[in-house]
mmCIF file of all heavy atoms, coordinates in Angstrom:
data_MODEL
# 
_entry.id   MODEL 
# 
loop_
_atom_site.group_PDB 
_atom_site.id 
_atom_site.type_symbol 
_atom_site.label_atom_id 
_atom_site.label_alt_id 
_atom_site.label_comp_id 
_atom_site.label_asym_id 
_atom_site.label_entity_id 
_atom_site.label_seq_id 
_atom_site.pdbx_PDB_ins_code 
_atom_site.Cartn_x 
_atom_site.Cartn_y 
_atom_site.Cartn_z 
_atom_site.occupancy 
_atom_site.B_iso_or_equiv 
_atom_site.pdbx_formal_charge 
_atom_site.auth_seq_id 
_atom_site.auth_comp_id 
_atom_site.auth_asym_id 
_atom_site.auth_atom_id 
_atom_site.pdbx_PDB_model_num 
ATOM 1   N N   . THR A 1 1  ? 63.901 -47.774 12.471 1.00 0.00 ? 1  THR A N   1 
ATOM 2   C CA  . THR A 1 1  ? 64.404 -48.094 11.110 1.00 0.00 ? 1  THR A CA  1 
ATOM 3   C C   . THR A 1 1  ? 63.680 -47.207 10.134 1.00 0.00 ? 1  THR A C   1 
ATOM 4   O O   . THR A 1 1  ? 64.286 -46.628 9.233  1.00 0.00 ? 1  THR A O   1 
ATOM 5   C CB  . THR A 1 1  ? 64.102 -49.582 10.754 1.00 0.00 ? 1  THR A CB  1 
ATOM 6   O OG1 . THR A 1 1  ? 64.893 -50.435 11.715 1.00 0.00 ? 1  THR A OG1 1 
ATOM 7   C CG2 . THR A 1 1  ? 64.654 -49.928 9.368  1.00 0.00 ? 1  THR A CG2 1 
ATOM 8   N N   . THR A 1 2  ? 62.387 -47.096 10.165 1.00 0.00 ? 2  THR A N   1 
ATOM 9   C CA  . THR A 1 2  ? 61.677 -46.417 9.198  1.00 0.00 ? 2  THR A CA  1 
ATOM 10  C C   . THR A 1 2  ? 61.652 -44.839 9.553  1.00 0.00 ? 2  THR A C   1 
ATOM 11  O O   . THR A 1 2  ? 61.507 -44.029 8.634  1.00 0.00 ? 2  THR A O   1 
ATOM 12  C CB  . THR A 1 2  ? 60.087 -46.888 9.225  1.00 0.00 ? 2  THR A CB  1 
ATOM 13  O OG1 . THR A 1 2  ? 60.131 -48.335 9.079  1.00 0.00 ? 2  THR A OG1 1 
ATOM 14  C CG2 . THR A 1 2  ? 59.308 -46.247 8.091  1.00 0.00 ? 2  THR A CG2 1 
ATOM 15  N N   . TYR A 1 3  ? 61.832 -44.472 10.797 1.00 0.00 ? 3  TYR A N   1 
ATOM 16  C CA  . TYR A 1 3  ? 61.856 -43.115 11.264 1.00 0.00 ? 3  TYR A CA  1 
ATOM 17  C C   . TYR A 1 3  ? 63.127 -42.798 12.018 1.00 0.00 ? 3  TYR A C   1 
ATOM 18  O O   . TYR A 1 3  ? 63.398 -43.403 13.034 1.00 0.00 ? 3  TYR A O   1 
ATOM 19  C CB  . TYR A 1 3  ? 60.617 -42.890 12.196 1.00 0.00 ? 3  TYR A CB  1 
ATOM 20  C CG  . TYR A 1 3  ? 59.288 -43.365 11.494 1.00 0.00 ? 3  TYR A CG  1 
ATOM 21  C CD1 . TYR A 1 3  ? 58.717 -44.575 11.896 1.00 0.00 ? 3  TYR A CD1 1 
ATOM 22  C CD2 . TYR A 1 3  ? 58.634 -42.582 10.613 1.00 0.00 ? 3  TYR A CD2 1 
ATOM 23  C CE1 . TYR A 1 3  ? 57.621 -44.977 11.338 1.00 0.00 ? 3  TYR A CE1 1 
ATOM 24  C CE2 . TYR A 1 3  ? 57.505 -43.058 10.055 1.00 0.00 ? 3  TYR A CE2 1 
ATOM 25  C CZ  . TYR A 1 3  ? 56.932 -44.369 10.390 1.00 0.00 ? 3  TYR A CZ  1 
ATOM 26  O OH  . TYR A 1 3  ? 55.824 -44.799 9.702  1.00 0.00 ? 3  TYR A OH  1 
ATOM 27  N N   . ILE A 1 4  ? 63.877 -41.911 11.573 1.00 0.00 ? 4  ILE A N   1 
ATOM 28  C CA  . ILE A 1 4  ? 65.155 -41.622 12.091 1.00 0.00 ? 4  ILE A CA  1 
ATOM 29  C C   . ILE A 1 4  ? 65.088 -40.193 12.800 1.00 0.00 ? 4  ILE A C   1 
ATOM 30  O O   . ILE A 1 4  ? 64.301 -39.368 12.437 1.00 0.00 ? 4  ILE A O   1 
ATOM 31  C CB  . ILE A 1 4  ? 66.273 -41.707 11.095 1.00 0.00 ? 4  ILE A CB  1 
ATOM 32  C CG1 . ILE A 1 4  ? 66.069 -40.741 9.939  1.00 0.00 ? 4  ILE A CG1 1 
ATOM 33  C CG2 . ILE A 1 4  ? 66.436 -43.110 10.632 1.00 0.00 ? 4  ILE A CG2 1 
ATOM 34  C CD1 . ILE A 1 4  ? 67.302 -40.619 8.912  1.00 0.00 ? 4  ILE A CD1 1 
ATOM 35  N N   . SER A 1 5  ? 66.055 -39.950 13.666 1.00 0.00 ? 5  SER A N   1 
ATOM 36  C CA  . SER A 1 5  ? 66.159 -38.689 14.387 1.00 0.00 ? 5  SER A CA  1 
ATOM 37  C C   . SER A 1 5  ? 67.197 -37.763 13.747 1.00 0.00 ? 5  SER A C   1 
ATOM 38  O O   . SER A 1 5  ? 67.200 -36.612 14.131 1.00 0.00 ? 5  SER A O   1 
ATOM 39  C CB  . SER A 1 5  ? 66.604 -38.945 15.860 1.00 0.00 ? 5  SER A CB  1 
ATOM 40  O OG  . SER A 1 5  ? 65.704 -39.721 16.518 1.00 0.00 ? 5  SER A OG  1 
ATOM 41  N N   . ASP A 1 6  ? 68.046 -38.118 12.918 1.00 0.00 ? 6  ASP A N   1 
ATOM 42  C CA  . ASP A 1 6  ? 69.061 -37.431 12.291 1.00 0.00 ? 6  ASP A CA  1 
ATOM 43  C C   . ASP A 1 6  ? 68.387 -36.305 11.550 1.00 0.00 ? 6  ASP A C   1 
ATOM 44  O O   . ASP A 1 6  ? 67.460 -36.379 10.766 1.00 0.00 ? 6  ASP A O   1 
ATOM 45  C CB  . ASP A 1 6  ? 69.869 -38.237 11.236 1.00 0.00 ? 6  ASP A CB  1 
ATOM 46  C CG  . ASP A 1 6  ? 70.918 -37.470 10.651 1.00 0.00 ? 6  ASP A CG  1 
ATOM 47  O OD1 . ASP A 1 6  ? 70.772 -36.589 9.776  1.00 0.00 ? 6  ASP A OD1 1 
ATOM 48  O OD2 . ASP A 1 6  ? 72.119 -37.692 10.998 1.00 0.00 ? 6  ASP A OD2 1 
ATOM 49  N N   . LYS A 1 7  ? 68.929 -35.011 11.799 1.00 0.00 ? 7  LYS A N   1 
ATOM 50  C CA  . LYS A 1 7  ? 68.211 -33.697 11.268 1.00 0.00 ? 7  LYS A CA  1 
ATOM 51  C C   . LYS A 1 7  ? 69.201 -32.986 10.338 1.00 0.00 ? 7  LYS A C   1 
ATOM 52  O O   . LYS A 1 7  ? 68.912 -31.725 10.115 1.00 0.00 ? 7  LYS A O   1 
ATOM 53  C CB  . LYS A 1 7  ? 67.780 -32.888 12.345 1.00 0.00 ? 7  LYS A CB  1 
ATOM 54  C CG  . LYS A 1 7  ? 66.583 -33.447 13.142 1.00 0.00 ? 7  LYS A CG  1 
ATOM 55  C CD  . LYS A 1 7  ? 65.327 -33.609 12.284 1.00 0.00 ? 7  LYS A CD  1 
ATOM 56  C CE  . LYS A 1 7  ? 64.233 -34.244 13.037 1.00 0.00 ? 7  LYS A CE  1 
ATOM 57  N NZ  . LYS A 1 7  ? 64.532 -35.664 13.340 1.00 0.00 ? 7  LYS A NZ  1 
ATOM 58  N N   . LYS A 1 8  ? 70.162 -33.632 9.850  1.00 0.00 ? 8  LYS A N   1 
ATOM 59  C CA  . LYS A 1 8  ? 71.115 -32.919 8.933  1.00 0.00 ? 8  LYS A CA  1 
ATOM 60  C C   . LYS A 1 8  ? 70.435 -32.250 7.719  1.00 0.00 ? 8  LYS A C   1 
ATOM 61  O O   . LYS A 1 8  ? 70.650 -31.091 7.441  1.00 0.00 ? 8  LYS A O   1 
ATOM 62  C CB  . LYS A 1 8  ? 72.222 -33.780 8.554  1.00 0.00 ? 8  LYS A CB  1 
ATOM 63  C CG  . LYS A 1 8  ? 73.211 -34.130 9.670  1.00 0.00 ? 8  LYS A CG  1 
ATOM 64  C CD  . LYS A 1 8  ? 74.373 -35.055 9.161  1.00 0.00 ? 8  LYS A CD  1 
ATOM 65  C CE  . LYS A 1 8  ? 75.261 -35.415 10.291 1.00 0.00 ? 8  LYS A CE  1 
ATOM 66  N NZ  . LYS A 1 8  ? 74.636 -36.291 11.367 1.00 0.00 ? 8  LYS A NZ  1 
ATOM 67  N N   . GLN A 1 9  ? 69.532 -33.049 7.197  1.00 0.00 ? 9  GLN A N   1 
ATOM 68  C CA  . GLN A 1 9  ? 68.833 -32.537 5.931  1.00 0.00 ? 9  GLN A CA  1 
ATOM 69  C C   . GLN A 1 9  ? 67.884 -31.351 6.378  1.00 0.00 ? 9  GLN A C   1 
ATOM 70  O O   . GLN A 1 9  ? 67.785 -30.433 5.571  1.00 0.00 ? 9  GLN A O   1 
ATOM 71  C CB  . GLN A 1 9  ? 67.942 -33.677 5.336  1.00 0.00 ? 9  GLN A CB  1 
ATOM 72  C CG  . GLN A 1 9  ? 67.143 -33.213 4.103  1.00 0.00 ? 9  GLN A CG  1 
ATOM 73  C CD  . GLN A 1 9  ? 66.278 -34.367 3.547  1.00 0.00 ? 9  GLN A CD  1 
ATOM 74  O OE1 . GLN A 1 9  ? 66.877 -35.022 2.648  1.00 0.00 ? 9  GLN A OE1 1 
ATOM 75  N NE2 . GLN A 1 9  ? 65.102 -34.532 3.890  1.00 0.00 ? 9  GLN A NE2 1 
ATOM 76  N N   . ALA A 1 10 ? 67.192 -31.461 7.454  1.00 0.00 ? 10 ALA A N   1 
ATOM 77  C CA  . ALA A 1 10 ? 66.225 -30.445 7.845  1.00 0.00 ? 10 ALA A CA  1 
ATOM 78  C C   . ALA A 1 10 ? 66.959 -29.201 8.301  1.00 0.00 ? 10 ALA A C   1 
ATOM 79  O O   . ALA A 1 10 ? 66.445 -28.138 8.185  1.00 0.00 ? 10 ALA A O   1 
ATOM 80  C CB  . ALA A 1 10 ? 65.192 -30.997 8.937  1.00 0.00 ? 10 ALA A CB  1 
ATOM 81  N N   . PHE A 1 11 ? 68.017 -29.366 8.992  1.00 0.00 ? 11 PHE A N   1 
ATOM 82  C CA  . PHE A 1 11 ? 68.700 -28.209 9.688  1.00 0.00 ? 11 PHE A CA  1 
ATOM 83  C C   . PHE A 1 11 ? 69.662 -27.467 8.805  1.00 0.00 ? 11 PHE A C   1 
ATOM 84  O O   . PHE A 1 11 ? 69.985 -26.360 9.115  1.00 0.00 ? 11 PHE A O   1 
ATOM 85  C CB  . PHE A 1 11 ? 69.391 -28.703 10.926 1.00 0.00 ? 11 PHE A CB  1 
ATOM 86  C CG  . PHE A 1 11 ? 68.477 -29.070 12.140 1.00 0.00 ? 11 PHE A CG  1 
ATOM 87  C CD1 . PHE A 1 11 ? 68.938 -29.840 13.194 1.00 0.00 ? 11 PHE A CD1 1 
ATOM 88  C CD2 . PHE A 1 11 ? 67.233 -28.690 12.242 1.00 0.00 ? 11 PHE A CD2 1 
ATOM 89  C CE1 . PHE A 1 11 ? 68.194 -30.125 14.208 1.00 0.00 ? 11 PHE A CE1 1 
ATOM 90  C CE2 . PHE A 1 11 ? 66.317 -28.863 13.226 1.00 0.00 ? 11 PHE A CE2 1 
ATOM 91  C CZ  . PHE A 1 11 ? 66.909 -29.706 14.293 1.00 0.00 ? 11 PHE A CZ  1 
ATOM 92  N N   . ALA A 1 12 ? 70.145 -28.074 7.742  1.00 0.00 ? 12 ALA A N   1 
ATOM 93  C CA  . ALA A 1 12 ? 71.113 -27.350 6.905  1.00 0.00 ? 12 ALA A CA  1 
ATOM 94  C C   . ALA A 1 12 ? 70.433 -26.131 6.261  1.00 0.00 ? 12 ALA A C   1 
ATOM 95  O O   . ALA A 1 12 ? 71.071 -25.039 6.391  1.00 0.00 ? 12 ALA A O   1 
ATOM 96  C CB  . ALA A 1 12 ? 71.523 -28.309 5.701  1.00 0.00 ? 12 ALA A CB  1 
ATOM 97  N N   . PRO A 1 13 ? 69.164 -26.217 5.755  1.00 0.00 ? 13 PRO A N   1 
ATOM 98  C CA  . PRO A 1 13 ? 68.703 -24.811 5.325  1.00 0.00 ? 13 PRO A CA  1 
ATOM 99  C C   . PRO A 1 13 ? 68.182 -23.886 6.358  1.00 0.00 ? 13 PRO A C   1 
ATOM 100 O O   . PRO A 1 13 ? 68.205 -22.695 6.278  1.00 0.00 ? 13 PRO A O   1 
ATOM 101 C CB  . PRO A 1 13 ? 67.468 -25.234 4.408  1.00 0.00 ? 13 PRO A CB  1 
ATOM 102 C CG  . PRO A 1 13 ? 67.065 -26.648 4.849  1.00 0.00 ? 13 PRO A CG  1 
ATOM 103 C CD  . PRO A 1 13 ? 68.396 -27.271 5.297  1.00 0.00 ? 13 PRO A CD  1 
ATOM 104 N N   . LYS A 1 14 ? 67.913 -24.519 7.532  1.00 0.00 ? 14 LYS A N   1 
ATOM 105 C CA  . LYS A 1 14 ? 67.370 -23.739 8.630  1.00 0.00 ? 14 LYS A CA  1 
ATOM 106 C C   . LYS A 1 14 ? 68.488 -22.818 9.354  1.00 0.00 ? 14 LYS A C   1 
ATOM 107 O O   . LYS A 1 14 ? 68.313 -21.709 9.619  1.00 0.00 ? 14 LYS A O   1 
ATOM 108 C CB  . LYS A 1 14 ? 66.705 -24.613 9.666  1.00 0.00 ? 14 LYS A CB  1 
ATOM 109 C CG  . LYS A 1 14 ? 66.129 -23.960 10.965 1.00 0.00 ? 14 LYS A CG  1 
ATOM 110 C CD  . LYS A 1 14 ? 65.576 -24.958 11.794 1.00 0.00 ? 14 LYS A CD  1 
ATOM 111 C CE  . LYS A 1 14 ? 64.861 -24.417 13.098 1.00 0.00 ? 14 LYS A CE  1 
ATOM 112 N NZ  . LYS A 1 14 ? 63.570 -23.590 12.702 1.00 0.00 ? 14 LYS A NZ  1 
ATOM 113 N N   . PHE A 1 15 ? 69.671 -23.505 9.583  1.00 0.00 ? 15 PHE A N   1 
ATOM 114 C CA  . PHE A 1 15 ? 70.786 -22.889 10.247 1.00 0.00 ? 15 PHE A CA  1 
ATOM 115 C C   . PHE A 1 15 ? 71.915 -22.505 9.367  1.00 0.00 ? 15 PHE A C   1 
ATOM 116 O O   . PHE A 1 15 ? 72.688 -21.632 9.774  1.00 0.00 ? 15 PHE A O   1 
ATOM 117 C CB  . PHE A 1 15 ? 71.257 -23.784 11.407 1.00 0.00 ? 15 PHE A CB  1 
ATOM 118 C CG  . PHE A 1 15 ? 70.262 -24.227 12.449 1.00 0.00 ? 15 PHE A CG  1 
ATOM 119 C CD1 . PHE A 1 15 ? 70.009 -25.491 12.865 1.00 0.00 ? 15 PHE A CD1 1 
ATOM 120 C CD2 . PHE A 1 15 ? 69.319 -23.172 12.950 1.00 0.00 ? 15 PHE A CD2 1 
ATOM 121 C CE1 . PHE A 1 15 ? 69.089 -25.854 13.836 1.00 0.00 ? 15 PHE A CE1 1 
ATOM 122 C CE2 . PHE A 1 15 ? 68.361 -23.597 13.893 1.00 0.00 ? 15 PHE A CE2 1 
ATOM 123 C CZ  . PHE A 1 15 ? 68.210 -24.867 14.366 1.00 0.00 ? 15 PHE A CZ  1 
ATOM 124 N N   . GLY A 1 16 ? 72.048 -23.251 8.246  1.00 0.00 ? 16 GLY A N   1 
ATOM 125 C CA  . GLY A 1 16 ? 73.226 -23.050 7.469  1.00 0.00 ? 16 GLY A CA  1 
ATOM 126 C C   . GLY A 1 16 ? 74.266 -24.060 7.887  1.00 0.00 ? 16 GLY A C   1 
ATOM 127 O O   . GLY A 1 16 ? 74.564 -24.145 9.148  1.00 0.00 ? 16 GLY A O   1 
ATOM 128 N N   . VAL A 1 17 ? 74.880 -24.775 6.996  1.00 0.00 ? 17 VAL A N   1 
ATOM 129 C CA  . VAL A 1 17 ? 75.967 -25.710 7.250  1.00 0.00 ? 17 VAL A CA  1 
ATOM 130 C C   . VAL A 1 17 ? 77.223 -24.939 7.741  1.00 0.00 ? 17 VAL A C   1 
ATOM 131 O O   . VAL A 1 17 ? 77.378 -23.830 7.443  1.00 0.00 ? 17 VAL A O   1 
ATOM 132 C CB  . VAL A 1 17 ? 76.240 -26.636 6.066  1.00 0.00 ? 17 VAL A CB  1 
ATOM 133 C CG1 . VAL A 1 17 ? 77.367 -27.605 6.419  1.00 0.00 ? 17 VAL A CG1 1 
ATOM 134 C CG2 . VAL A 1 17 ? 75.039 -27.291 5.575  1.00 0.00 ? 17 VAL A CG2 1 
ATOM 135 N N   . ASP A 1 18 ? 77.917 -25.637 8.616  1.00 0.00 ? 18 ASP A N   1 
ATOM 136 C CA  . ASP A 1 18 ? 79.090 -25.044 9.275  1.00 0.00 ? 18 ASP A CA  1 
ATOM 137 C C   . ASP A 1 18 ? 78.831 -23.770 10.058 1.00 0.00 ? 18 ASP A C   1 
ATOM 138 O O   . ASP A 1 18 ? 79.656 -22.911 10.123 1.00 0.00 ? 18 ASP A O   1 
ATOM 139 C CB  . ASP A 1 18 ? 80.110 -24.605 8.093  1.00 0.00 ? 18 ASP A CB  1 
ATOM 140 C CG  . ASP A 1 18 ? 80.664 -25.858 7.367  1.00 0.00 ? 18 ASP A CG  1 
ATOM 141 O OD1 . ASP A 1 18 ? 80.788 -26.948 7.952  1.00 0.00 ? 18 ASP A OD1 1 
ATOM 142 O OD2 . ASP A 1 18 ? 80.912 -25.808 6.153  1.00 0.00 ? 18 ASP A OD2 1 
ATOM 143 N N   . THR A 1 19 ? 77.701 -23.864 10.792 1.00 0.00 ? 19 THR A N   1 
ATOM 144 C CA  . THR A 1 19 ? 77.383 -22.758 11.740 1.00 0.00 ? 19 THR A CA  1 
ATOM 145 C C   . THR A 1 19 ? 77.252 -23.410 13.114 1.00 0.00 ? 19 THR A C   1 
ATOM 146 O O   . THR A 1 19 ? 77.158 -24.548 13.245 1.00 0.00 ? 19 THR A O   1 
ATOM 147 C CB  . THR A 1 19 ? 76.068 -22.148 11.465 1.00 0.00 ? 19 THR A CB  1 
ATOM 148 O OG1 . THR A 1 19 ? 74.954 -23.099 11.494 1.00 0.00 ? 19 THR A OG1 1 
ATOM 149 C CG2 . THR A 1 19 ? 76.041 -21.574 10.025 1.00 0.00 ? 19 THR A CG2 1 
ATOM 150 N N   . PRO A 1 20 ? 77.363 -22.560 14.188 1.00 0.00 ? 20 PRO A N   1 
ATOM 151 C CA  . PRO A 1 20 ? 77.292 -23.139 15.483 1.00 0.00 ? 20 PRO A CA  1 
ATOM 152 C C   . PRO A 1 20 ? 76.158 -23.920 15.859 1.00 0.00 ? 20 PRO A C   1 
ATOM 153 O O   . PRO A 1 20 ? 76.088 -25.000 16.436 1.00 0.00 ? 20 PRO A O   1 
ATOM 154 C CB  . PRO A 1 20 ? 77.499 -21.906 16.430 1.00 0.00 ? 20 PRO A CB  1 
ATOM 155 C CG  . PRO A 1 20 ? 78.275 -20.974 15.590 1.00 0.00 ? 20 PRO A CG  1 
ATOM 156 C CD  . PRO A 1 20 ? 77.754 -21.164 14.159 1.00 0.00 ? 20 PRO A CD  1 
ATOM 157 N N   . LEU A 1 21 ? 74.879 -23.332 15.413 1.00 0.00 ? 21 LEU A N   1 
ATOM 158 C CA  . LEU A 1 21 ? 73.630 -24.097 15.733 1.00 0.00 ? 21 LEU A CA  1 
ATOM 159 C C   . LEU A 1 21 ? 73.549 -25.406 15.018 1.00 0.00 ? 21 LEU A C   1 
ATOM 160 O O   . LEU A 1 21 ? 73.042 -26.435 15.464 1.00 0.00 ? 21 LEU A O   1 
ATOM 161 C CB  . LEU A 1 21 ? 72.464 -23.142 15.402 1.00 0.00 ? 21 LEU A CB  1 
ATOM 162 C CG  . LEU A 1 21 ? 72.082 -22.143 16.440 1.00 0.00 ? 21 LEU A CG  1 
ATOM 163 C CD1 . LEU A 1 21 ? 71.035 -21.175 15.876 1.00 0.00 ? 21 LEU A CD1 1 
ATOM 164 C CD2 . LEU A 1 21 ? 71.559 -22.684 17.780 1.00 0.00 ? 21 LEU A CD2 1 
ATOM 165 N N   . TYR A 1 22 ? 74.000 -25.382 13.679 1.00 0.00 ? 22 TYR A N   1 
ATOM 166 C CA  . TYR A 1 22 ? 73.963 -26.616 12.895 1.00 0.00 ? 22 TYR A CA  1 
ATOM 167 C C   . TYR A 1 22 ? 74.809 -27.663 13.567 1.00 0.00 ? 22 TYR A C   1 
ATOM 168 O O   . TYR A 1 22 ? 74.502 -28.837 13.720 1.00 0.00 ? 22 TYR A O   1 
ATOM 169 C CB  . TYR A 1 22 ? 74.362 -26.346 11.519 1.00 0.00 ? 22 TYR A CB  1 
ATOM 170 C CG  . TYR A 1 22 ? 74.375 -27.630 10.578 1.00 0.00 ? 22 TYR A CG  1 
ATOM 171 C CD1 . TYR A 1 22 ? 73.219 -28.037 10.074 1.00 0.00 ? 22 TYR A CD1 1 
ATOM 172 C CD2 . TYR A 1 22 ? 75.594 -28.315 10.438 1.00 0.00 ? 22 TYR A CD2 1 
ATOM 173 C CE1 . TYR A 1 22 ? 73.203 -29.219 9.255  1.00 0.00 ? 22 TYR A CE1 1 
ATOM 174 C CE2 . TYR A 1 22 ? 75.592 -29.434 9.635  1.00 0.00 ? 22 TYR A CE2 1 
ATOM 175 C CZ  . TYR A 1 22 ? 74.317 -29.921 9.140  1.00 0.00 ? 22 TYR A CZ  1 
ATOM 176 O OH  . TYR A 1 22 ? 74.334 -31.038 8.216  1.00 0.00 ? 22 TYR A OH  1 
ATOM 177 N N   . GLU A 1 23 ? 76.034 -27.270 13.972 1.00 0.00 ? 23 GLU A N   1 
ATOM 178 C CA  . GLU A 1 23 ? 77.064 -28.222 14.665 1.00 0.00 ? 23 GLU A CA  1 
ATOM 179 C C   . GLU A 1 23 ? 76.390 -28.779 15.912 1.00 0.00 ? 23 GLU A C   1 
ATOM 180 O O   . GLU A 1 23 ? 76.475 -29.971 16.216 1.00 0.00 ? 23 GLU A O   1 
ATOM 181 C CB  . GLU A 1 23 ? 78.242 -27.520 14.944 1.00 0.00 ? 23 GLU A CB  1 
ATOM 182 C CG  . GLU A 1 23 ? 79.356 -28.479 15.539 1.00 0.00 ? 23 GLU A CG  1 
ATOM 183 C CD  . GLU A 1 23 ? 80.657 -27.719 15.871 1.00 0.00 ? 23 GLU A CD  1 
ATOM 184 O OE1 . GLU A 1 23 ? 80.609 -27.073 16.977 1.00 0.00 ? 23 GLU A OE1 1 
ATOM 185 O OE2 . GLU A 1 23 ? 81.626 -27.868 15.081 1.00 0.00 ? 23 GLU A OE2 1 
ATOM 186 N N   . HIS A 1 24 ? 75.766 -27.894 16.681 1.00 0.00 ? 24 HIS A N   1 
ATOM 187 C CA  . HIS A 1 24 ? 75.230 -28.406 17.948 1.00 0.00 ? 24 HIS A CA  1 
ATOM 188 C C   . HIS A 1 24 ? 74.060 -29.377 17.715 1.00 0.00 ? 24 HIS A C   1 
ATOM 189 O O   . HIS A 1 24 ? 73.994 -30.454 18.307 1.00 0.00 ? 24 HIS A O   1 
ATOM 190 C CB  . HIS A 1 24 ? 74.747 -27.276 18.799 1.00 0.00 ? 24 HIS A CB  1 
ATOM 191 C CG  . HIS A 1 24 ? 73.967 -27.700 20.012 1.00 0.00 ? 24 HIS A CG  1 
ATOM 192 N ND1 . HIS A 1 24 ? 74.566 -28.444 21.002 1.00 0.00 ? 24 HIS A ND1 1 
ATOM 193 C CD2 . HIS A 1 24 ? 72.572 -27.631 20.416 1.00 0.00 ? 24 HIS A CD2 1 
ATOM 194 C CE1 . HIS A 1 24 ? 73.680 -28.749 21.907 1.00 0.00 ? 24 HIS A CE1 1 
ATOM 195 N NE2 . HIS A 1 24 ? 72.555 -28.303 21.565 1.00 0.00 ? 24 HIS A NE2 1 
ATOM 196 N N   . HIS A 1 25 ? 73.010 -28.871 16.970 1.00 0.00 ? 25 HIS A N   1 
ATOM 197 C CA  . HIS A 1 25 ? 71.801 -29.666 16.807 1.00 0.00 ? 25 HIS A CA  1 
ATOM 198 C C   . HIS A 1 25 ? 71.960 -30.938 15.939 1.00 0.00 ? 25 HIS A C   1 
ATOM 199 O O   . HIS A 1 25 ? 71.045 -31.706 15.933 1.00 0.00 ? 25 HIS A O   1 
ATOM 200 C CB  . HIS A 1 25 ? 70.634 -28.793 16.280 1.00 0.00 ? 25 HIS A CB  1 
ATOM 201 C CG  . HIS A 1 25 ? 70.180 -27.843 17.401 1.00 0.00 ? 25 HIS A CG  1 
ATOM 202 N ND1 . HIS A 1 25 ? 69.689 -28.311 18.614 1.00 0.00 ? 25 HIS A ND1 1 
ATOM 203 C CD2 . HIS A 1 25 ? 70.068 -26.504 17.427 1.00 0.00 ? 25 HIS A CD2 1 
ATOM 204 C CE1 . HIS A 1 25 ? 69.290 -27.195 19.339 1.00 0.00 ? 25 HIS A CE1 1 
ATOM 205 N NE2 . HIS A 1 25 ? 69.516 -26.156 18.627 1.00 0.00 ? 25 HIS A NE2 1 
ATOM 206 N N   . THR A 1 26 ? 73.049 -31.093 15.323 1.00 0.00 ? 26 THR A N   1 
ATOM 207 C CA  . THR A 1 26 ? 73.328 -32.401 14.574 1.00 0.00 ? 26 THR A CA  1 
ATOM 208 C C   . THR A 1 26 ? 74.309 -33.237 15.214 1.00 0.00 ? 26 THR A C   1 
ATOM 209 O O   . THR A 1 26 ? 74.642 -34.332 14.822 1.00 0.00 ? 26 THR A O   1 
ATOM 210 C CB  . THR A 1 26 ? 73.832 -32.079 13.132 1.00 0.00 ? 26 THR A CB  1 
ATOM 211 O OG1 . THR A 1 26 ? 75.034 -31.315 13.186 1.00 0.00 ? 26 THR A OG1 1 
ATOM 212 C CG2 . THR A 1 26 ? 72.774 -31.322 12.345 1.00 0.00 ? 26 THR A CG2 1 
ATOM 213 N N   . THR A 1 27 ? 74.813 -32.783 16.432 1.00 0.00 ? 27 THR A N   1 
ATOM 214 C CA  . THR A 1 27 ? 75.751 -33.660 17.203 1.00 0.00 ? 27 THR A CA  1 
ATOM 215 C C   . THR A 1 27 ? 75.103 -34.025 18.588 1.00 0.00 ? 27 THR A C   1 
ATOM 216 O O   . THR A 1 27 ? 75.595 -35.066 19.121 1.00 0.00 ? 27 THR A O   1 
ATOM 217 C CB  . THR A 1 27 ? 77.010 -32.755 17.546 1.00 0.00 ? 27 THR A CB  1 
ATOM 218 O OG1 . THR A 1 27 ? 77.437 -32.250 16.244 1.00 0.00 ? 27 THR A OG1 1 
ATOM 219 C CG2 . THR A 1 27 ? 78.082 -33.589 18.234 1.00 0.00 ? 27 THR A CG2 1 
# 
């Protein structure tokens, strides 16, 4: 509850949204 695994916020600047790596590592 206090600690989540979702990485959309962290991976957006790292990989760029709508990129293959972002899609993979957030799915």
